[in-house]
Protein backbone atom coordinates (compact mmCIF):
# COMPACT_ATOMS: atom_id res chain seq x y z
CA MET A 1 -12.05 -14.20 9.88
CA HIS A 2 -12.49 -16.61 12.67
CA SER A 3 -8.56 -18.02 13.09
CA ILE A 4 -5.42 -17.53 11.78
CA ASP A 5 -5.69 -20.20 9.53
CA GLN A 6 -8.55 -18.57 8.06
CA VAL A 7 -7.02 -15.20 7.63
CA GLN A 8 -4.26 -16.98 5.84
CA THR A 9 -7.18 -19.12 3.43
CA ASP A 10 -9.16 -15.85 2.53
CA LEU A 11 -5.67 -13.86 1.77
CA ALA A 12 -4.84 -16.39 -0.63
CA ALA A 13 -7.78 -16.73 -2.25
CA VAL A 14 -7.57 -13.40 -3.06
CA ASP A 15 -3.86 -13.63 -4.37
CA TYR A 16 -2.33 -12.59 -1.54
CA VAL A 17 0.63 -15.28 0.28
CA CYS A 18 1.49 -14.96 3.64
CA GLY A 19 3.60 -16.16 6.43
CA ARG A 20 1.78 -17.17 9.61
CA ASP A 21 3.41 -14.41 11.88
CA LEU A 22 1.66 -11.67 9.82
CA ALA A 23 -1.37 -13.65 9.40
CA THR A 24 -1.46 -13.57 13.20
CA LEU A 25 -1.10 -9.79 13.55
CA VAL A 26 -3.76 -9.27 10.68
CA PHE A 27 -6.35 -11.71 12.45
CA LEU A 28 -5.28 -9.44 16.04
CA ALA A 29 -5.87 -6.65 14.40
CA LEU A 30 -9.26 -7.26 12.89
CA LYS A 31 -10.22 -8.95 16.58
CA LEU A 32 -9.02 -6.39 18.51
CA GLY A 33 -9.73 -3.23 16.01
CA ARG A 34 -6.27 -2.22 16.33
CA PRO A 35 -4.31 -0.16 13.99
CA LEU A 36 -2.22 -2.28 11.84
CA PHE A 37 1.35 -0.98 11.31
CA LEU A 38 3.88 -2.59 8.33
CA GLU A 39 7.34 -1.48 7.83
CA GLY A 40 9.81 -2.65 5.26
CA GLU A 41 11.64 -2.24 1.89
CA ALA A 42 9.66 -0.40 -0.70
CA GLY A 43 8.47 -3.97 -3.02
CA THR A 44 7.74 -6.26 -0.67
CA GLY A 45 3.74 -6.25 -0.36
CA LYS A 46 2.67 -4.05 2.64
CA THR A 47 0.27 -2.00 0.18
CA GLU A 48 -1.04 -5.00 -1.03
CA ILE A 49 -1.90 -6.35 1.75
CA ALA A 50 -4.63 -3.69 2.61
CA LYS A 51 -5.85 -4.33 -0.76
CA ALA A 52 -6.16 -8.44 0.30
CA ILE A 53 -7.94 -7.66 3.55
CA ALA A 54 -10.84 -5.47 1.68
CA ALA A 55 -11.03 -7.72 -1.14
CA SER A 56 -11.32 -10.70 1.27
CA LEU A 57 -13.73 -8.70 3.85
CA GLY A 58 -15.77 -7.33 0.98
CA ARG A 59 -14.99 -4.07 2.34
CA ASN A 60 -14.23 -0.94 0.36
CA LEU A 61 -10.69 0.16 0.54
CA ILE A 62 -9.59 4.03 1.16
CA ARG A 63 -6.39 4.82 0.47
CA LEU A 64 -4.76 8.04 1.84
CA GLN A 65 -1.27 8.38 -0.09
CA CYS A 66 1.22 10.29 2.36
CA TYR A 67 3.77 12.91 0.95
CA GLU A 68 5.73 15.73 1.99
CA GLY A 69 3.95 18.52 3.08
CA LEU A 70 0.25 16.82 3.75
CA ASP A 71 -2.08 18.33 5.94
CA ALA A 72 -5.03 17.68 7.91
CA ALA A 73 -7.09 19.85 5.55
CA SER A 74 -6.05 17.63 2.65
CA ALA A 75 -6.50 14.67 4.38
CA VAL A 76 -9.93 15.14 5.57
CA TYR A 77 -12.02 17.74 3.55
CA GLU A 78 -11.86 21.02 1.62
CA TRP A 79 -14.71 23.05 0.53
CA ASN A 80 -15.46 23.27 -2.76
CA PHE A 81 -14.56 26.93 -3.85
CA ALA A 82 -15.59 26.87 -7.32
CA ALA A 83 -19.06 25.31 -6.74
CA GLN A 84 -19.31 28.01 -3.77
CA MET A 85 -18.33 30.86 -6.47
CA VAL A 86 -21.19 29.55 -8.48
CA ALA A 87 -23.84 29.71 -5.71
CA ILE A 88 -22.66 33.43 -4.58
CA ARG A 89 -23.20 34.52 -8.26
CA ALA A 90 -26.47 32.84 -8.49
CA ALA A 91 -27.39 33.98 -5.43
CA GLU A 92 -26.49 37.68 -6.49
CA ALA A 93 -27.90 37.19 -10.08
CA GLY A 94 -31.65 36.47 -8.82
CA GLY A 95 -31.03 39.67 -6.31
CA ASP A 96 -32.24 38.13 -3.05
CA VAL A 97 -28.86 37.45 -1.26
CA ASP A 98 -29.90 36.35 2.44
CA ALA A 99 -26.12 36.54 4.05
CA LYS A 100 -26.76 34.47 7.08
CA GLY A 101 -28.81 31.73 5.18
CA LEU A 102 -26.32 32.27 2.30
CA GLN A 103 -23.37 31.11 4.29
CA LYS A 104 -25.11 28.16 6.19
CA ASP A 105 -25.70 27.03 2.79
CA LEU A 106 -22.16 27.55 1.32
CA PHE A 107 -20.57 25.52 4.39
CA GLY A 108 -22.84 22.34 4.15
CA GLU A 109 -22.49 19.34 3.20
CA ALA A 110 -23.68 19.74 -0.31
CA PHE A 111 -20.11 21.76 -1.10
CA LEU A 112 -17.95 19.49 1.15
CA THR A 113 -15.39 17.51 -1.15
CA GLU A 114 -14.55 14.41 1.45
CA ARG A 115 -11.19 13.57 1.48
CA PRO A 116 -9.81 9.78 2.86
CA LEU A 117 -9.82 10.17 6.78
CA LEU A 118 -13.24 12.15 6.31
CA GLN A 119 -14.69 9.19 3.93
CA ALA A 120 -13.57 6.47 6.22
CA MET A 121 -15.47 7.82 9.13
CA ARG A 122 -19.02 7.59 7.45
CA PRO A 123 -21.13 4.96 7.59
CA ASP A 124 -21.18 2.09 4.79
CA PRO A 125 -23.51 -0.18 4.03
CA LYS A 126 -20.73 -3.23 3.46
CA GLY A 127 -19.08 -2.53 6.94
CA PRO A 128 -16.02 -0.41 8.43
CA PRO A 129 -13.76 0.21 5.11
CA VAL A 130 -10.47 -0.79 5.33
CA LEU A 131 -8.07 2.31 5.48
CA LEU A 132 -4.53 2.53 4.08
CA ILE A 133 -2.40 5.53 4.92
CA ASP A 134 0.38 4.04 2.89
CA GLU A 135 4.00 5.64 3.38
CA ILE A 136 3.59 7.51 6.51
CA ASP A 137 7.23 8.03 6.44
CA ARG A 138 6.88 10.42 3.86
CA THR A 139 4.88 12.95 6.20
CA ASP A 140 6.08 14.96 9.16
CA GLU A 141 5.58 14.93 12.90
CA PRO A 142 2.61 17.58 12.67
CA PHE A 143 0.52 15.33 10.28
CA GLU A 144 1.72 12.03 12.82
CA ALA A 145 0.41 14.12 16.04
CA PHE A 146 -2.89 14.68 14.07
CA LEU A 147 -3.42 11.22 12.89
CA LEU A 148 -2.56 10.03 16.31
CA GLU A 149 -5.48 11.77 17.48
CA ALA A 150 -7.34 10.96 14.58
CA LEU A 151 -6.86 7.43 15.19
CA SER A 152 -7.33 7.62 19.00
CA ASP A 153 -11.10 8.83 18.84
CA PHE A 154 -11.81 7.87 15.26
CA GLN A 155 -13.27 11.24 14.75
CA VAL A 156 -12.25 14.25 12.91
CA THR A 157 -13.78 17.89 13.60
CA ILE A 158 -14.74 20.27 10.49
CA PRO A 159 -15.54 23.89 12.47
CA GLU A 160 -18.37 24.84 10.23
CA LEU A 161 -20.21 21.32 11.17
CA GLY A 162 -19.05 19.90 14.18
CA THR A 163 -17.73 16.57 15.35
CA ILE A 164 -18.05 13.66 12.91
CA SER A 165 -17.39 10.43 14.69
CA ALA A 166 -17.09 6.61 12.71
CA PRO A 167 -19.99 4.56 13.73
CA GLU A 168 -17.63 2.02 13.94
CA PRO A 169 -14.10 2.28 13.46
CA PRO A 170 -12.55 1.68 10.29
CA ILE A 171 -9.89 -1.31 9.86
CA VAL A 172 -6.44 0.77 9.89
CA ILE A 173 -3.33 -0.07 7.78
CA LEU A 174 -0.11 2.34 7.79
CA THR A 175 2.58 1.59 5.88
CA SER A 176 6.11 3.10 6.45
CA ASN A 177 9.62 2.17 3.73
CA ARG A 178 11.29 3.78 6.82
CA THR A 179 12.92 6.66 4.89
CA ARG A 180 13.23 8.40 8.07
CA GLU A 181 11.65 7.03 11.89
CA VAL A 182 7.90 7.13 12.68
CA HIS A 183 7.46 8.41 16.39
CA ASP A 184 6.94 6.15 19.16
CA ALA A 185 3.54 7.36 20.15
CA LEU A 186 2.08 6.56 16.75
CA LYS A 187 3.60 2.99 16.63
CA ARG A 188 2.61 2.41 20.37
CA ARG A 189 -1.25 2.70 19.06
CA CYS A 190 -0.78 0.02 16.49
CA LEU A 191 0.29 -3.75 16.22
CA TYR A 192 3.76 -3.66 14.29
CA HIS A 193 5.35 -6.33 12.13
CA TRP A 194 8.30 -5.91 9.30
CA VAL A 195 7.47 -7.15 6.37
CA ASP A 196 10.47 -8.65 4.70
CA TYR A 197 11.76 -9.98 1.74
CA PRO A 198 10.20 -13.46 1.30
CA ASP A 199 12.39 -16.91 1.29
CA PHE A 200 12.39 -18.84 -1.86
CA ASP A 201 10.14 -21.18 -1.49
CA ARG A 202 7.58 -18.22 -0.03
CA GLU A 203 8.29 -15.91 -3.16
CA ILE A 204 7.89 -19.06 -5.51
CA GLU A 205 4.13 -19.44 -3.99
CA ILE A 206 3.35 -15.47 -4.39
CA LEU A 207 4.99 -15.96 -8.08
CA GLN A 208 2.80 -18.70 -8.90
CA ALA A 209 -0.55 -16.95 -7.66
CA ARG A 210 0.45 -13.69 -9.37
CA ALA A 211 1.80 -15.29 -12.40
CA PRO A 212 0.17 -18.88 -12.99
CA GLU A 213 1.04 -19.04 -16.43
CA ALA A 214 4.81 -18.97 -15.91
CA SER A 215 6.22 -22.67 -15.78
CA ALA A 216 7.72 -24.17 -12.44
CA ALA A 217 11.09 -23.86 -14.54
CA LEU A 218 11.13 -20.39 -15.32
CA SER A 219 9.34 -19.31 -11.99
CA ARG A 220 12.63 -20.74 -9.92
CA GLU A 221 15.01 -19.23 -12.33
CA VAL A 222 13.26 -16.24 -11.74
CA VAL A 223 12.95 -16.32 -8.51
CA ALA A 224 16.44 -17.19 -7.54
CA PHE A 225 18.09 -14.65 -9.59
CA VAL A 226 16.26 -11.95 -8.05
CA GLN A 227 17.29 -13.19 -5.10
CA ARG A 228 20.88 -13.46 -5.75
CA LEU A 229 20.35 -9.83 -7.19
CA ARG A 230 19.31 -8.94 -3.33
CA GLY A 231 22.63 -9.79 -2.15
CA GLU A 232 24.46 -7.14 -4.36
CA ASP A 233 25.82 -3.73 -3.70
CA LEU A 234 22.97 -2.37 -5.21
CA PHE A 235 21.18 1.03 -4.89
CA LYS A 236 17.61 -0.05 -4.71
CA LYS A 237 17.05 -3.96 -4.15
CA PRO A 238 14.10 -5.34 -6.27
CA GLY A 239 11.18 -6.37 -4.48
CA VAL A 240 8.31 -8.66 -4.63
CA ALA A 241 6.74 -6.56 -7.02
CA GLU A 242 9.43 -6.62 -9.31
CA THR A 243 9.99 -9.88 -9.28
CA ILE A 244 6.56 -10.55 -10.40
CA ASP A 245 6.62 -7.67 -13.32
CA TRP A 246 9.72 -9.30 -14.65
CA ALA A 247 8.21 -12.54 -14.83
CA LYS A 248 5.54 -10.99 -17.10
CA CYS A 249 7.62 -9.31 -18.91
CA LEU A 250 9.36 -12.76 -20.18
CA LEU A 251 5.89 -14.08 -20.68
CA ALA A 252 5.16 -11.79 -22.92
CA LEU A 253 8.30 -12.28 -24.67
CA ASP A 254 7.73 -15.98 -24.60
CA MET A 255 10.89 -16.91 -22.95
CA ILE A 256 11.10 -20.26 -21.42
CA ASN A 257 14.39 -19.59 -19.44
CA LEU A 258 17.09 -16.79 -18.44
CA SER A 259 20.11 -16.22 -20.69
CA PRO A 260 22.58 -13.28 -20.51
CA GLU A 261 21.17 -11.90 -23.51
CA VAL A 262 17.43 -11.72 -22.11
CA ILE A 263 18.30 -10.54 -18.79
CA ALA A 264 20.21 -7.62 -20.49
CA ASP A 265 17.38 -6.46 -22.26
CA THR A 266 14.78 -6.77 -19.22
CA LEU A 267 17.36 -5.33 -16.49
CA GLY A 268 14.52 -2.34 -16.65
CA ALA A 269 11.87 -4.83 -14.95
CA ILE A 270 13.80 -5.06 -12.05
CA LEU A 271 16.42 -2.35 -11.90
CA LYS A 272 15.22 1.02 -11.58
CA TYR A 273 18.38 2.98 -11.43
CA GLN A 274 21.31 3.61 -13.94
CA ASP A 275 24.17 2.86 -11.69
CA ASP A 276 22.43 -0.24 -10.62
CA ILE A 277 21.67 -1.46 -14.19
CA GLN A 278 25.40 -0.84 -15.43
CA LYS A 279 26.57 -3.15 -12.71
CA LEU A 280 24.99 -6.21 -14.34
CA GLN A 281 26.04 -4.94 -17.72
CA GLY A 282 28.62 -7.44 -20.16
CA SER A 283 29.49 -10.49 -17.98
CA GLU A 284 28.43 -9.66 -14.64
CA ALA A 285 24.80 -10.83 -15.25
CA LYS A 286 26.27 -14.45 -17.03
CA ARG A 287 28.16 -14.91 -14.11
CA LEU A 288 25.18 -14.45 -12.25
CA LEU A 289 23.09 -16.51 -13.83
CA ASP A 290 26.12 -19.12 -14.10
CA GLU A 291 25.84 -19.17 -10.19
CA VAL A 292 21.99 -19.36 -9.97
CA LYS A 293 21.89 -22.47 -12.16
CA SER A 294 24.60 -24.24 -10.20
CA THR A 295 22.49 -23.63 -7.17
CA LEU A 296 19.55 -24.63 -8.51
CA ASP A 297 20.85 -27.60 -10.58
CA VAL A 298 22.37 -28.97 -7.06
CA ALA A 299 18.92 -28.01 -5.27
């Protein structure tokens, strides 16, 4: 990816539509070797950008899914305890137990289970992999501090084996749904981009790329209705992922346009909380659909 335009073209080739602002930061992240921190609402395409970059570059994607309580050991490596016990039993059964030699063997590469961060440090014939650290906001501050150190030097230390350094730094993408604020020290190491909901035309492009079998008329109605929903007082606004899912559901039902009845039947594809679904029951869905169709007719 030698230019910003090429970034947009290459990502579009793997069905990821992005604006020039995001393409510029992807270009800079690749050129400068800087991690890219993507923050925004769930379902706006933050995870997909990492997949698209890996696909467009022909690199492997390594994903570290974050969660509460994630620690360095779980993110870097673990020892295969079951295999170690089998080796100990086998050595005892053979009657030839060399304690020092056995200990060295037990804590060697053969019994090492590599987790995402260590995998990303290993040489790869395809080139440095894309390391996706997904939903970093779900972890706690101690893990952030560890991650800051690991991303500074692109190396990890295993006491039994020593320090392992990446021959070439991986391409690092961090995402956050902003359920809490991530520490400034980690953000400062990254290029930052807020991934917002796309405008109408951009979302149409995305839907056409991901569900090309949808007609232009159905795509316009689906996108307009979802964008209208985002203006409502909902507990969880539908993201782009829900737009795509809903369009595919409508296609599976052989629908060619929206109606209050089909909206009521398929609300579970775009809304994931019962309170939100109840708000769209009855005449509310019809009211929103009438507004949407009126707006589309004017346009």
